[in-house]
Amino acid sequence: MDILIGAVAYNPKVVDIWEGMRRYFREEAHVPVEVVLFLSYEAQVDALLASRIDIAWNTNLAYLQSEYRTAGKCVALAMRDTDIDWRTIIVSPTGGNVRKLDDLRGKRLALGSRDSGHAAILPVHFLAEGGLIEGKDYQSLRFNTDLGKHGDTGTSEIDVLKAVMTGEADAGAVGSPFWAGVHESKLVPAGALGVVWESPSYHHCMFTAREGLSTEARDTFTDALFKMQWGNPKHRPVLEAEGLKEWVRPRSEGYVSLRAAAKHQGFFDDPR
């Protein structure tokens, strides 16, 4: 019987990635998997909880929603090496009126999609921990672009940078991987924006197994997954497209902040 793997098609490239993953599992690792694509993480989480899929490739928020709704009975299986130690970056125009975090008082902060852990949920959470309350100490300008994708598309982060560059916002919050690629992709002129603040670190995506999936099925999947090698010319294009060099064991410590933020902001409320 096939192991059903869920993934969210946030971009056309996802189809190519999962065709490559499916080919690896079935033809090389000889693990019978089938891939089911969804248009939102909400639909994918529902499918995992209803046992319509066995394993989900989840964002950090979707993983925590699955964990919460199963009272911790879903199982974290694996993550990318690049899912470890993400940070949220707050940027502002170089030489502008926001040069340190406290300068945000009375200013406008651009945020990404409300379901993006890195560009919305966690910035609000970390700023509150630092004594800056949304709507009281600063005003937020939210770009709820591509809701349901949990910030995967990066579109809302582009909107954030545009708002900062045009002066619509005084500063903006983006994820560290996105920020690292900003100058590479020439989204803004070199030196136009500077970093005001970096958050504490947290983790991102997680393969999540449904409650009740057998240990044998989980181990069969992860054993094959961990055998993918960056140095193997057959594996490398898929790993590169998915943004990693190595699959690693789950690390639970990097979800504490998002768990608290998501609960406080209502992301664990019963969707029905």
Protein backbone atom coordinates (compact mmCIF):
# COMPACT_ATOMS: atom_id res chain seq x y z
CA MET A 1 0.00 0.00 0.00
CA ASP A 2 1.29 3.45 -0.90
CA ILE A 3 2.41 5.92 1.73
CA LEU A 4 0.52 9.11 0.88
CA ILE A 5 2.60 12.29 1.15
CA GLY A 6 0.95 15.71 1.18
CA ALA A 7 2.55 18.94 -0.01
CA VAL A 8 1.21 22.41 -0.77
CA ALA A 9 1.58 23.67 -4.34
CA TYR A 10 2.54 27.25 -3.49
CA ASN A 11 4.47 27.59 -6.75
CA PRO A 12 4.53 25.63 -10.07
CA LYS A 13 8.05 24.44 -9.18
CA VAL A 14 6.52 22.33 -6.39
CA VAL A 15 5.18 19.92 -9.02
CA ASP A 16 8.67 19.35 -10.41
CA ILE A 17 10.13 18.94 -6.92
CA TRP A 18 7.62 16.31 -5.93
CA GLU A 19 7.83 14.50 -9.24
CA GLY A 20 11.54 14.18 -8.48
CA MET A 21 10.90 13.08 -4.89
CA ARG A 22 8.31 10.52 -6.03
CA ARG A 23 10.71 9.17 -8.65
CA TYR A 24 13.47 8.81 -6.05
CA PHE A 25 11.28 7.00 -3.55
CA ARG A 26 9.63 4.64 -6.01
CA GLU A 27 12.43 3.90 -8.46
CA GLU A 28 15.60 4.17 -6.37
CA ALA A 29 14.61 3.67 -2.73
CA HIS A 30 11.79 1.24 -3.66
CA VAL A 31 9.41 2.85 -1.21
CA PRO A 32 5.82 2.98 -2.49
CA VAL A 33 4.84 6.61 -2.05
CA GLU A 34 2.23 8.69 -3.78
CA VAL A 35 2.03 12.48 -3.63
CA VAL A 36 -1.11 14.52 -2.99
CA LEU A 37 -0.90 18.27 -3.66
CA PHE A 38 -3.02 20.84 -1.85
CA LEU A 39 -3.71 24.52 -2.43
CA SER A 40 -3.58 25.48 1.25
CA TYR A 41 -2.01 24.27 4.47
CA GLU A 42 -5.42 24.34 6.14
CA ALA A 43 -6.67 21.72 3.68
CA GLN A 44 -3.50 19.68 4.14
CA VAL A 45 -3.76 19.71 7.94
CA ASP A 46 -7.41 18.65 7.70
CA ALA A 47 -6.42 15.78 5.39
CA LEU A 48 -3.66 14.64 7.75
CA LEU A 49 -6.00 14.65 10.73
CA ALA A 50 -8.65 12.75 8.76
CA SER A 51 -6.01 10.15 7.70
CA ARG A 52 -6.53 10.95 4.02
CA ILE A 53 -2.76 11.37 3.82
CA ASP A 54 -0.08 9.70 5.93
CA ILE A 55 2.66 12.33 6.03
CA ALA A 56 2.52 16.08 5.41
CA TRP A 57 5.32 18.42 4.37
CA ASN A 58 4.25 21.21 6.71
CA THR A 59 5.31 24.75 7.47
CA ASN A 60 6.18 25.37 11.11
CA LEU A 61 2.66 26.76 11.68
CA ALA A 62 0.97 23.79 9.99
CA TYR A 63 3.12 21.40 12.02
CA LEU A 64 2.13 23.11 15.27
CA GLN A 65 -1.54 23.21 14.24
CA SER A 66 -1.36 19.46 13.59
CA GLU A 67 0.33 18.93 16.93
CA TYR A 68 -2.27 20.99 18.78
CA ARG A 69 -5.29 19.42 17.10
CA THR A 70 -4.04 15.88 17.80
CA ALA A 71 -3.00 16.68 21.39
CA GLY A 72 0.58 15.90 20.44
CA LYS A 73 -0.17 12.53 18.81
CA CYS A 74 1.10 13.42 15.35
CA VAL A 75 4.80 12.64 14.90
CA ALA A 76 7.60 14.94 13.73
CA LEU A 77 9.75 13.00 11.25
CA ALA A 78 12.35 15.16 9.53
CA MET A 79 13.29 18.65 8.43
CA ARG A 80 15.77 20.36 6.14
CA ASP A 81 19.16 21.53 7.37
CA THR A 82 18.01 24.96 6.18
CA ASP A 83 14.92 24.85 8.42
CA ILE A 84 17.14 25.35 11.46
CA ASP A 85 17.79 28.79 12.96
CA TRP A 86 15.57 31.06 10.88
CA ARG A 87 15.23 34.64 12.06
CA THR A 88 12.91 37.53 11.41
CA ILE A 89 14.65 40.65 10.13
CA ILE A 90 13.26 44.18 10.49
CA VAL A 91 14.63 46.52 7.84
CA SER A 92 14.27 50.24 7.20
CA PRO A 93 15.67 52.80 4.74
CA THR A 94 19.34 53.51 5.35
CA GLY A 95 19.63 56.82 7.19
CA GLY A 96 15.89 56.92 7.87
CA ASN A 97 13.94 57.55 11.05
CA VAL A 98 14.00 53.94 12.29
CA ARG A 99 17.53 52.96 13.27
CA LYS A 100 16.84 50.87 16.37
CA LEU A 101 13.87 48.89 17.61
CA ASP A 102 12.53 51.55 19.96
CA ASP A 103 12.33 53.96 17.02
CA LEU A 104 9.29 51.98 15.85
CA ARG A 105 7.14 53.75 18.46
CA GLY A 106 4.54 55.78 16.62
CA LYS A 107 5.71 54.41 13.25
CA ARG A 108 4.29 52.10 10.57
CA LEU A 109 5.61 48.53 10.33
CA ALA A 110 4.89 46.49 7.19
CA LEU A 111 4.09 42.83 7.83
CA GLY A 112 3.56 39.91 5.48
CA SER A 113 0.62 37.53 5.26
CA ARG A 114 -1.06 37.04 8.63
CA ASP A 115 -0.44 33.26 8.45
CA SER A 116 3.30 33.71 7.82
CA GLY A 117 5.27 32.74 10.90
CA HIS A 118 8.37 34.65 9.87
CA ALA A 119 6.81 37.77 8.34
CA ALA A 120 3.81 38.38 10.62
CA ILE A 121 3.12 36.05 13.55
CA LEU A 122 6.57 36.05 15.09
CA PRO A 123 7.43 39.74 14.49
CA VAL A 124 4.31 40.76 16.43
CA HIS A 125 5.16 38.24 19.15
CA PHE A 126 8.81 39.22 19.57
CA LEU A 127 8.04 42.93 19.50
CA ALA A 128 5.42 42.44 22.22
CA GLU A 129 8.03 40.64 24.32
CA GLY A 130 10.19 43.73 23.87
CA GLY A 131 7.41 46.05 25.01
CA LEU A 132 6.11 47.17 21.61
CA ILE A 133 2.42 46.34 21.19
CA GLU A 134 0.77 46.29 17.76
CA GLY A 135 -1.89 49.00 17.42
CA LYS A 136 -0.68 50.77 20.54
CA ASP A 137 3.04 51.45 20.17
CA TYR A 138 3.19 51.06 16.39
CA GLN A 139 0.75 50.66 13.53
CA SER A 140 1.00 47.64 11.27
CA LEU A 141 0.51 47.65 7.52
CA ARG A 142 -0.38 44.08 6.60
CA PHE A 143 -0.08 42.46 3.19
CA ASN A 144 -2.28 39.37 3.32
CA THR A 145 -1.00 38.00 0.05
CA ASP A 146 -1.40 34.30 -0.81
CA LEU A 147 -3.23 33.37 2.39
CA GLY A 148 -3.21 29.64 3.02
CA LYS A 149 0.40 29.31 1.87
CA HIS A 150 1.89 30.42 5.25
CA GLY A 151 4.31 32.82 3.59
CA ASP A 152 5.89 30.18 1.32
CA THR A 153 5.50 32.21 -1.86
CA GLY A 154 7.47 35.19 -0.56
CA THR A 155 5.04 37.52 -2.36
CA SER A 156 3.97 39.31 0.80
CA GLU A 157 7.61 39.91 1.72
CA ILE A 158 8.11 41.58 -1.66
CA ASP A 159 5.09 43.75 -0.84
CA VAL A 160 6.69 44.60 2.51
CA LEU A 161 9.91 45.78 0.86
CA LYS A 162 7.99 47.83 -1.70
CA ALA A 163 6.08 49.56 1.10
CA VAL A 164 9.32 50.41 2.90
CA MET A 165 11.03 51.63 -0.26
CA THR A 166 8.11 53.89 -1.24
CA GLY A 167 7.68 55.31 2.28
CA GLU A 168 4.28 53.72 2.78
CA ALA A 169 5.83 52.04 5.83
CA ASP A 170 8.73 53.14 8.02
CA ALA A 171 10.10 49.61 8.43
CA GLY A 172 9.20 46.07 7.44
CA ALA A 173 9.56 42.48 8.66
CA VAL A 174 10.84 39.64 6.46
CA GLY A 175 12.36 36.21 6.99
CA SER A 176 16.13 35.77 7.06
CA PRO A 177 16.27 33.45 3.99
CA PHE A 178 14.30 35.99 1.98
CA TRP A 179 16.52 38.83 3.17
CA ALA A 180 19.64 36.87 2.27
CA GLY A 181 18.43 36.65 -1.31
CA VAL A 182 17.28 40.26 -1.66
CA HIS A 183 20.50 41.66 -3.11
CA GLU A 184 21.17 38.51 -5.12
CA SER A 185 17.84 38.96 -6.88
CA LYS A 186 18.27 42.78 -6.99
CA LEU A 187 14.90 43.45 -5.37
CA VAL A 188 16.24 46.68 -3.89
CA PRO A 189 19.28 48.82 -4.76
CA ALA A 190 22.41 47.90 -2.84
CA GLY A 191 22.61 49.79 0.45
CA ALA A 192 19.08 51.19 0.23
CA LEU A 193 17.86 49.24 3.25
CA GLY A 194 19.57 48.37 6.50
CA VAL A 195 18.86 45.87 9.26
CA VAL A 196 17.26 47.41 12.35
CA TRP A 197 16.79 44.20 14.34
CA GLU A 198 17.09 40.42 14.17
CA SER A 199 14.85 38.12 16.18
CA PRO A 200 15.87 35.12 18.25
CA SER A 201 16.18 32.00 16.12
CA TYR A 202 13.39 29.51 15.37
CA HIS A 203 12.81 26.57 13.04
CA HIS A 204 10.69 26.23 9.93
CA CYS A 205 9.27 23.22 7.98
CA MET A 206 8.65 19.70 9.30
CA PHE A 207 7.56 16.37 7.82
CA THR A 208 4.65 15.39 10.06
CA ALA A 209 3.16 11.88 10.28
CA ARG A 210 -0.49 11.35 11.12
CA GLU A 211 -1.60 9.85 14.39
CA GLY A 212 -1.65 6.07 14.07
CA LEU A 213 0.77 5.70 11.17
CA SER A 214 2.81 2.59 11.91
CA THR A 215 6.38 2.84 13.13
CA GLU A 216 7.36 0.62 10.19
CA ALA A 217 5.88 3.06 7.66
CA ARG A 218 7.46 6.07 9.38
CA ASP A 219 10.87 4.40 9.51
CA THR A 220 10.65 3.21 5.91
CA PHE A 221 9.99 6.76 4.78
CA THR A 222 12.65 8.47 6.90
CA ASP A 223 15.32 5.83 6.22
CA ALA A 224 14.92 6.48 2.49
CA LEU A 225 14.73 10.25 2.97
CA PHE A 226 18.00 10.40 4.92
CA LYS A 227 19.78 8.47 2.17
CA MET A 228 19.36 11.36 -0.26
CA GLN A 229 22.82 12.85 -0.79
CA TRP A 230 23.87 16.28 -2.06
CA GLY A 231 26.86 14.68 -3.77
CA ASN A 232 24.68 12.28 -5.77
CA PRO A 233 23.98 13.84 -9.19
CA LYS A 234 20.56 12.14 -9.26
CA HIS A 235 19.52 13.59 -5.90
CA ARG A 236 21.09 17.02 -6.04
CA PRO A 237 18.62 18.75 -8.43
CA VAL A 238 15.69 17.86 -6.18
CA LEU A 239 17.48 18.84 -2.98
CA GLU A 240 18.65 22.09 -4.55
CA ALA A 241 15.14 22.94 -5.76
CA GLU A 242 13.75 22.29 -2.28
CA GLY A 243 16.45 24.44 -0.72
CA LEU A 244 18.55 22.03 1.32
CA LYS A 245 21.74 20.00 1.32
CA GLU A 246 20.73 17.43 3.91
CA TRP A 247 17.58 16.06 5.57
CA VAL A 248 17.98 16.02 9.35
CA ARG A 249 16.19 14.59 12.39
CA PRO A 250 13.50 16.78 13.96
CA ARG A 251 14.57 19.37 16.52
CA SER A 252 11.71 20.40 18.75
CA GLU A 253 13.40 23.27 20.57
CA GLY A 254 12.96 25.70 17.67
CA TYR A 255 9.15 25.86 17.83
CA VAL A 256 8.63 27.25 21.33
CA SER A 257 8.20 30.89 20.32
CA LEU A 258 5.87 30.18 17.41
CA ARG A 259 3.77 27.82 19.53
CA ALA A 260 3.20 30.60 22.07
CA ALA A 261 2.61 33.24 19.38
CA ALA A 262 0.18 31.10 17.38
CA LYS A 263 -1.84 30.24 20.46
CA HIS A 264 -2.04 33.89 21.56
CA GLN A 265 -2.98 35.09 18.06
CA GLY A 266 -5.75 32.51 17.56
CA PHE A 267 -4.13 30.12 15.09
CA PHE A 268 -5.04 27.14 17.25
CA ASP A 269 -8.74 28.02 17.36
CA ASP A 270 -11.00 25.28 15.99
CA PRO A 271 -11.30 26.09 12.25
CA ARG A 272 -14.83 24.79 12.26
